[in-house]
Amino acid sequence: MLRHLTPDGLAPPLARYSHAVEITAGARLVVCSGQLGIGADGRIPDGVEEQATLCFEAIGRCLGAAGMGFADLVRLNAYVTDRSHLNAFMTVRDRFVGSPAPASTLLIVAGFSRPEFKVEVEALAAK
């Protein structure tokens, strides 16, 4: 259902992502809103790694509710509040996202709705 593309003439991906992912006709799509690093109990951990883990666990629950999993990811859009958070975020992402990896964008942003949030992740999946 998904075909990961690395076209000729492009530099290899700089991290673990695909340059493009083709979704075949007839696939169901799930679009996950941006998930923040907050637990079901409302607790927001201080660390980027802990917040990123909560983001991906939430995405996993959203996908699971639709009968999908991380192997069905087509695209991730991720946002962190500081360049120093990149490595911790990518370490967590790589624990959850298999190979071939989805298409992906990672941006450094000024902030989120509350100052304690350091990471947000959106996802698109197809099956």
N, C-alpha and C. Protein backbone atom coordinates (compact mmCIF):
# COMPACT_ATOMS: atom_id res chain seq x y z
N MET A 1 0.81 -1.21 0.00
CA MET A 1 0.00 0.00 0.00
C MET A 1 0.84 1.26 0.00
N LEU A 2 2.01 1.23 0.63
CA LEU A 2 2.89 2.40 0.66
C LEU A 2 4.17 2.08 -0.10
N ARG A 3 4.61 3.03 -0.90
CA ARG A 3 5.86 2.86 -1.63
C ARG A 3 6.77 4.03 -1.27
N HIS A 4 7.89 3.74 -0.61
CA HIS A 4 8.84 4.76 -0.18
C HIS A 4 9.79 5.06 -1.33
N LEU A 5 9.95 6.35 -1.62
CA LEU A 5 10.68 6.78 -2.80
C LEU A 5 11.92 7.59 -2.42
N THR A 6 13.03 7.25 -3.03
CA THR A 6 14.25 8.04 -2.96
C THR A 6 14.70 8.24 -4.41
N PRO A 7 14.18 9.28 -5.05
CA PRO A 7 14.45 9.48 -6.47
C PRO A 7 15.92 9.73 -6.77
N ASP A 8 16.34 9.31 -7.95
CA ASP A 8 17.69 9.61 -8.41
C ASP A 8 17.87 11.13 -8.47
N GLY A 9 19.09 11.56 -8.23
CA GLY A 9 19.41 12.98 -8.34
C GLY A 9 19.20 13.76 -7.06
N LEU A 10 18.79 13.09 -5.99
CA LEU A 10 18.64 13.75 -4.69
C LEU A 10 19.71 13.26 -3.74
N ALA A 11 20.15 14.13 -2.87
CA ALA A 11 21.07 13.70 -1.82
C ALA A 11 20.35 12.71 -0.92
N PRO A 12 21.06 11.76 -0.33
CA PRO A 12 20.40 10.84 0.60
C PRO A 12 19.77 11.61 1.76
N PRO A 13 18.73 11.08 2.36
CA PRO A 13 18.13 11.74 3.52
C PRO A 13 19.19 12.03 4.60
N LEU A 14 19.05 13.17 5.26
CA LEU A 14 19.99 13.58 6.30
C LEU A 14 19.78 12.84 7.62
N ALA A 15 18.63 12.22 7.77
CA ALA A 15 18.31 11.45 8.97
C ALA A 15 17.43 10.29 8.52
N ARG A 16 16.67 9.76 9.44
CA ARG A 16 15.83 8.60 9.13
C ARG A 16 14.46 9.05 8.63
N TYR A 17 14.36 9.28 7.33
CA TYR A 17 13.10 9.62 6.68
C TYR A 17 13.19 9.27 5.21
N SER A 18 12.04 9.21 4.56
CA SER A 18 11.96 8.98 3.12
C SER A 18 11.72 10.32 2.44
N HIS A 19 12.29 10.51 1.26
CA HIS A 19 12.02 11.75 0.52
C HIS A 19 10.55 11.85 0.14
N ALA A 20 9.92 10.73 -0.16
CA ALA A 20 8.51 10.72 -0.55
C ALA A 20 7.92 9.34 -0.26
N VAL A 21 6.61 9.31 -0.06
CA VAL A 21 5.88 8.06 0.14
C VAL A 21 4.63 8.11 -0.73
N GLU A 22 4.47 7.11 -1.58
CA GLU A 22 3.29 7.01 -2.44
C GLU A 22 2.24 6.18 -1.71
N ILE A 23 1.00 6.68 -1.71
CA ILE A 23 -0.14 5.96 -1.14
C ILE A 23 -0.95 5.41 -2.29
N THR A 24 -1.15 4.10 -2.31
CA THR A 24 -1.89 3.49 -3.40
C THR A 24 -3.39 3.77 -3.28
N ALA A 25 -4.07 3.70 -4.40
CA ALA A 25 -5.51 3.97 -4.45
C ALA A 25 -6.26 3.01 -3.52
N GLY A 26 -7.31 3.51 -2.90
CA GLY A 26 -8.15 2.70 -2.04
C GLY A 26 -7.70 2.62 -0.59
N ALA A 27 -6.61 3.28 -0.26
CA ALA A 27 -6.12 3.24 1.13
C ALA A 27 -6.98 4.13 2.02
N ARG A 28 -7.13 3.71 3.27
CA ARG A 28 -7.77 4.55 4.28
C ARG A 28 -6.69 5.47 4.85
N LEU A 29 -7.04 6.71 5.15
CA LEU A 29 -6.10 7.66 5.73
C LEU A 29 -6.50 8.00 7.16
N VAL A 30 -5.51 8.20 8.00
CA VAL A 30 -5.72 8.71 9.35
C VAL A 30 -4.80 9.91 9.51
N VAL A 31 -5.37 11.04 9.92
CA VAL A 31 -4.61 12.25 10.16
C VAL A 31 -4.64 12.51 11.66
N CYS A 32 -3.47 12.50 12.28
CA CYS A 32 -3.37 12.73 13.72
C CYS A 32 -3.03 14.19 13.97
N SER A 33 -3.81 14.83 14.80
CA SER A 33 -3.49 16.19 15.24
C SER A 33 -2.15 16.20 15.93
N GLY A 34 -1.57 17.38 16.06
CA GLY A 34 -0.32 17.50 16.79
C GLY A 34 -0.47 16.99 18.21
N GLN A 35 0.39 16.06 18.58
CA GLN A 35 0.37 15.48 19.92
C GLN A 35 1.48 16.12 20.75
N LEU A 36 1.15 16.52 21.94
CA LEU A 36 2.10 17.19 22.84
C LEU A 36 2.59 16.23 23.91
N GLY A 37 3.65 16.59 24.56
CA GLY A 37 4.25 15.76 25.60
C GLY A 37 3.53 15.88 26.93
N ILE A 38 2.30 15.42 26.96
CA ILE A 38 1.49 15.47 28.18
C ILE A 38 0.86 14.10 28.40
N GLY A 39 0.95 13.60 29.62
CA GLY A 39 0.38 12.31 29.95
C GLY A 39 -1.13 12.38 30.14
N ALA A 40 -1.77 11.23 30.17
CA ALA A 40 -3.22 11.16 30.38
C ALA A 40 -3.62 11.78 31.72
N ASP A 41 -2.68 11.78 32.66
CA ASP A 41 -2.92 12.37 33.98
C ASP A 41 -2.68 13.88 34.01
N GLY A 42 -2.31 14.46 32.86
CA GLY A 42 -2.06 15.89 32.78
C GLY A 42 -0.63 16.29 33.10
N ARG A 43 0.20 15.32 33.48
CA ARG A 43 1.59 15.62 33.83
C ARG A 43 2.40 15.91 32.58
N ILE A 44 3.23 16.94 32.66
CA ILE A 44 4.11 17.32 31.56
C ILE A 44 5.55 17.18 32.07
N PRO A 45 6.28 16.17 31.58
CA PRO A 45 7.66 16.01 32.05
C PRO A 45 8.54 17.16 31.55
N ASP A 46 9.63 17.39 32.25
CA ASP A 46 10.56 18.46 31.87
C ASP A 46 11.38 18.11 30.65
N GLY A 47 11.79 16.85 30.52
CA GLY A 47 12.74 16.46 29.49
C GLY A 47 12.14 16.29 28.11
N VAL A 48 12.94 16.62 27.10
CA VAL A 48 12.52 16.48 25.71
C VAL A 48 12.28 15.01 25.37
N GLU A 49 13.15 14.14 25.81
CA GLU A 49 13.00 12.72 25.50
C GLU A 49 11.69 12.17 26.07
N GLU A 50 11.37 12.55 27.29
CA GLU A 50 10.13 12.08 27.91
C GLU A 50 8.91 12.66 27.19
N GLN A 51 8.98 13.94 26.83
CA GLN A 51 7.86 14.55 26.11
C GLN A 51 7.69 13.90 24.73
N ALA A 52 8.78 13.69 24.03
CA ALA A 52 8.69 13.05 22.70
C ALA A 52 8.11 11.65 22.82
N THR A 53 8.49 10.92 23.86
CA THR A 53 7.95 9.58 24.07
C THR A 53 6.43 9.64 24.23
N LEU A 54 5.95 10.59 25.01
CA LEU A 54 4.50 10.75 25.19
C LEU A 54 3.82 11.10 23.87
N CYS A 55 4.46 11.94 23.05
CA CYS A 55 3.90 12.29 21.73
C CYS A 55 3.72 11.03 20.89
N PHE A 56 4.77 10.21 20.80
CA PHE A 56 4.69 9.02 19.96
C PHE A 56 3.77 7.96 20.55
N GLU A 57 3.69 7.86 21.86
CA GLU A 57 2.73 6.93 22.46
C GLU A 57 1.30 7.36 22.12
N ALA A 58 1.04 8.67 22.14
CA ALA A 58 -0.30 9.17 21.79
C ALA A 58 -0.61 8.88 20.32
N ILE A 59 0.37 9.09 19.45
CA ILE A 59 0.17 8.78 18.03
C ILE A 59 -0.12 7.29 17.87
N GLY A 60 0.61 6.46 18.59
CA GLY A 60 0.37 5.01 18.54
C GLY A 60 -1.05 4.66 18.95
N ARG A 61 -1.57 5.33 19.96
CA ARG A 61 -2.95 5.07 20.39
C ARG A 61 -3.95 5.52 19.32
N CYS A 62 -3.69 6.69 18.72
CA CYS A 62 -4.57 7.17 17.64
C CYS A 62 -4.57 6.19 16.47
N LEU A 63 -3.39 5.75 16.07
CA LEU A 63 -3.30 4.79 14.97
C LEU A 63 -3.99 3.48 15.33
N GLY A 64 -3.75 3.02 16.55
CA GLY A 64 -4.36 1.77 17.00
C GLY A 64 -5.87 1.82 16.99
N ALA A 65 -6.44 2.99 17.30
CA ALA A 65 -7.90 3.13 17.29
C ALA A 65 -8.47 2.95 15.89
N ALA A 66 -7.62 3.14 14.87
CA ALA A 66 -8.04 2.96 13.48
C ALA A 66 -7.54 1.64 12.89
N GLY A 67 -7.00 0.77 13.74
CA GLY A 67 -6.49 -0.50 13.26
C GLY A 67 -5.18 -0.37 12.51
N MET A 68 -4.41 0.66 12.83
CA MET A 68 -3.12 0.91 12.18
C MET A 68 -2.01 0.95 13.21
N GLY A 69 -0.79 1.01 12.70
CA GLY A 69 0.38 1.10 13.56
C GLY A 69 1.45 1.97 12.92
N PHE A 70 2.61 2.03 13.54
CA PHE A 70 3.68 2.90 13.06
C PHE A 70 4.17 2.50 11.67
N ALA A 71 4.02 1.24 11.28
CA ALA A 71 4.43 0.82 9.94
C ALA A 71 3.56 1.46 8.86
N ASP A 72 2.40 2.01 9.24
CA ASP A 72 1.49 2.63 8.29
C ASP A 72 1.71 4.14 8.16
N LEU A 73 2.69 4.69 8.87
CA LEU A 73 2.96 6.13 8.79
C LEU A 73 3.41 6.51 7.39
N VAL A 74 2.86 7.59 6.91
CA VAL A 74 3.23 8.16 5.62
C VAL A 74 4.09 9.41 5.85
N ARG A 75 3.70 10.22 6.82
CA ARG A 75 4.38 11.49 7.06
C ARG A 75 4.33 11.88 8.52
N LEU A 76 5.43 12.47 8.99
CA LEU A 76 5.50 13.09 10.31
C LEU A 76 5.88 14.55 10.14
N ASN A 77 5.22 15.42 10.88
CA ASN A 77 5.63 16.81 11.02
C ASN A 77 5.94 16.98 12.51
N ALA A 78 7.17 17.34 12.81
CA ALA A 78 7.58 17.47 14.20
C ALA A 78 8.14 18.86 14.45
N TYR A 79 7.93 19.33 15.67
CA TYR A 79 8.33 20.68 16.05
C TYR A 79 9.00 20.61 17.42
N VAL A 80 10.14 21.25 17.56
CA VAL A 80 10.83 21.36 18.85
C VAL A 80 11.14 22.84 19.08
N THR A 81 11.32 23.21 20.34
CA THR A 81 11.49 24.62 20.67
C THR A 81 12.95 25.08 20.71
N ASP A 82 13.89 24.16 20.49
CA ASP A 82 15.29 24.57 20.52
C ASP A 82 16.13 23.57 19.74
N ARG A 83 17.15 24.07 19.08
CA ARG A 83 18.06 23.21 18.31
C ARG A 83 18.68 22.13 19.21
N SER A 84 18.90 22.43 20.46
CA SER A 84 19.49 21.46 21.38
C SER A 84 18.59 20.26 21.63
N HIS A 85 17.31 20.34 21.23
CA HIS A 85 16.37 19.23 21.42
C HIS A 85 16.37 18.23 20.27
N LEU A 86 17.07 18.55 19.18
CA LEU A 86 17.00 17.72 17.97
C LEU A 86 17.44 16.28 18.22
N ASN A 87 18.60 16.08 18.82
CA ASN A 87 19.11 14.72 19.01
C ASN A 87 18.21 13.88 19.90
N ALA A 88 17.74 14.45 21.00
CA ALA A 88 16.84 13.70 21.90
C ALA A 88 15.56 13.33 21.17
N PHE A 89 15.00 14.28 20.40
CA PHE A 89 13.79 13.98 19.65
C PHE A 89 14.04 12.85 18.65
N MET A 90 15.12 12.95 17.87
CA MET A 90 15.38 11.95 16.84
C MET A 90 15.65 10.57 17.43
N THR A 91 16.26 10.51 18.61
CA THR A 91 16.48 9.23 19.28
C THR A 91 15.14 8.56 19.59
N VAL A 92 14.20 9.33 20.10
CA VAL A 92 12.88 8.78 20.42
C VAL A 92 12.15 8.41 19.13
N ARG A 93 12.15 9.31 18.16
CA ARG A 93 11.49 9.02 16.88
C ARG A 93 11.98 7.70 16.31
N ASP A 94 13.28 7.48 16.33
CA ASP A 94 13.85 6.27 15.75
C ASP A 94 13.47 5.01 16.51
N ARG A 95 13.12 5.14 17.79
CA ARG A 95 12.64 3.98 18.56
C ARG A 95 11.25 3.56 18.11
N PHE A 96 10.44 4.51 17.68
CA PHE A 96 9.06 4.23 17.31
C PHE A 96 8.87 3.98 15.83
N VAL A 97 9.65 4.65 15.00
CA VAL A 97 9.45 4.61 13.55
C VAL A 97 10.39 3.58 12.94
N GLY A 98 9.80 2.65 12.21
CA GLY A 98 10.58 1.59 11.60
C GLY A 98 11.23 2.01 10.29
N SER A 99 11.62 1.02 9.54
CA SER A 99 12.27 1.25 8.26
C SER A 99 11.50 0.48 7.20
N PRO A 100 11.19 1.05 6.08
CA PRO A 100 11.56 2.41 5.68
C PRO A 100 10.77 3.45 6.47
N ALA A 101 11.40 4.55 6.74
CA ALA A 101 10.80 5.62 7.54
C ALA A 101 9.85 6.46 6.67
N PRO A 102 8.88 7.12 7.30
CA PRO A 102 7.96 7.97 6.54
C PRO A 102 8.66 9.24 6.06
N ALA A 103 7.97 9.97 5.20
CA ALA A 103 8.41 11.32 4.88
C ALA A 103 8.32 12.14 6.16
N SER A 104 9.17 13.14 6.30
CA SER A 104 9.24 13.82 7.58
C SER A 104 9.75 15.24 7.45
N THR A 105 9.24 16.12 8.31
CA THR A 105 9.75 17.48 8.45
C THR A 105 9.96 17.73 9.93
N LEU A 106 11.08 18.34 10.28
CA LEU A 106 11.39 18.68 11.67
C LEU A 106 11.76 20.16 11.71
N LEU A 107 10.98 20.94 12.46
CA LEU A 107 11.18 22.38 12.54
C LEU A 107 11.49 22.82 13.97
N ILE A 108 12.25 23.88 14.07
CA ILE A 108 12.48 24.55 15.35
C ILE A 108 11.54 25.74 15.39
N VAL A 109 10.72 25.80 16.44
CA VAL A 109 9.70 26.84 16.55
C VAL A 109 9.92 27.65 17.82
N ALA A 110 9.26 28.81 17.89
CA ALA A 110 9.40 29.70 19.04
C ALA A 110 8.72 29.15 20.29
N GLY A 111 7.67 28.36 20.12
CA GLY A 111 6.98 27.83 21.29
C GLY A 111 5.61 27.28 20.93
N PHE A 112 4.93 26.79 21.97
CA PHE A 112 3.61 26.19 21.83
C PHE A 112 2.61 26.91 22.73
N SER A 113 1.43 26.36 22.87
CA SER A 113 0.36 27.01 23.61
C SER A 113 0.69 27.22 25.09
N ARG A 114 1.57 26.38 25.63
CA ARG A 114 2.03 26.54 27.00
C ARG A 114 3.55 26.44 27.00
N PRO A 115 4.23 27.26 27.79
CA PRO A 115 5.69 27.33 27.71
C PRO A 115 6.40 26.04 28.12
N GLU A 116 5.77 25.17 28.88
CA GLU A 116 6.44 23.94 29.31
C GLU A 116 6.54 22.89 28.21
N PHE A 117 5.77 23.03 27.14
CA PHE A 117 5.85 22.08 26.03
C PHE A 117 7.10 22.37 25.20
N LYS A 118 7.82 21.29 24.84
CA LYS A 118 9.05 21.40 24.06
C LYS A 118 8.97 20.68 22.72
N VAL A 119 7.97 19.79 22.56
CA VAL A 119 7.86 18.94 21.37
C VAL A 119 6.38 18.81 20.99
N GLU A 120 6.12 18.78 19.68
CA GLU A 120 4.80 18.44 19.16
C GLU A 120 5.01 17.63 17.88
N VAL A 121 4.17 16.61 17.68
CA VAL A 121 4.32 15.74 16.51
C VAL A 121 2.94 15.48 15.90
N GLU A 122 2.83 15.73 14.57
CA GLU A 122 1.64 15.40 13.79
C GLU A 122 1.96 14.19 12.93
N ALA A 123 0.93 13.44 12.56
CA ALA A 123 1.19 12.24 11.74
C ALA A 123 0.08 12.01 10.73
N LEU A 124 0.46 11.42 9.62
CA LEU A 124 -0.46 10.95 8.60
C LEU A 124 -0.14 9.50 8.35
N ALA A 125 -1.18 8.65 8.35
CA ALA A 125 -0.97 7.21 8.11
C ALA A 125 -1.97 6.75 7.06
N ALA A 126 -1.63 5.66 6.38
CA ALA A 126 -2.50 5.09 5.35
C ALA A 126 -2.39 3.58 5.39
N LYS A 127 -3.53 2.92 5.15
CA LYS A 127 -3.55 1.45 5.12
C LYS A 127 -4.65 0.99 4.18
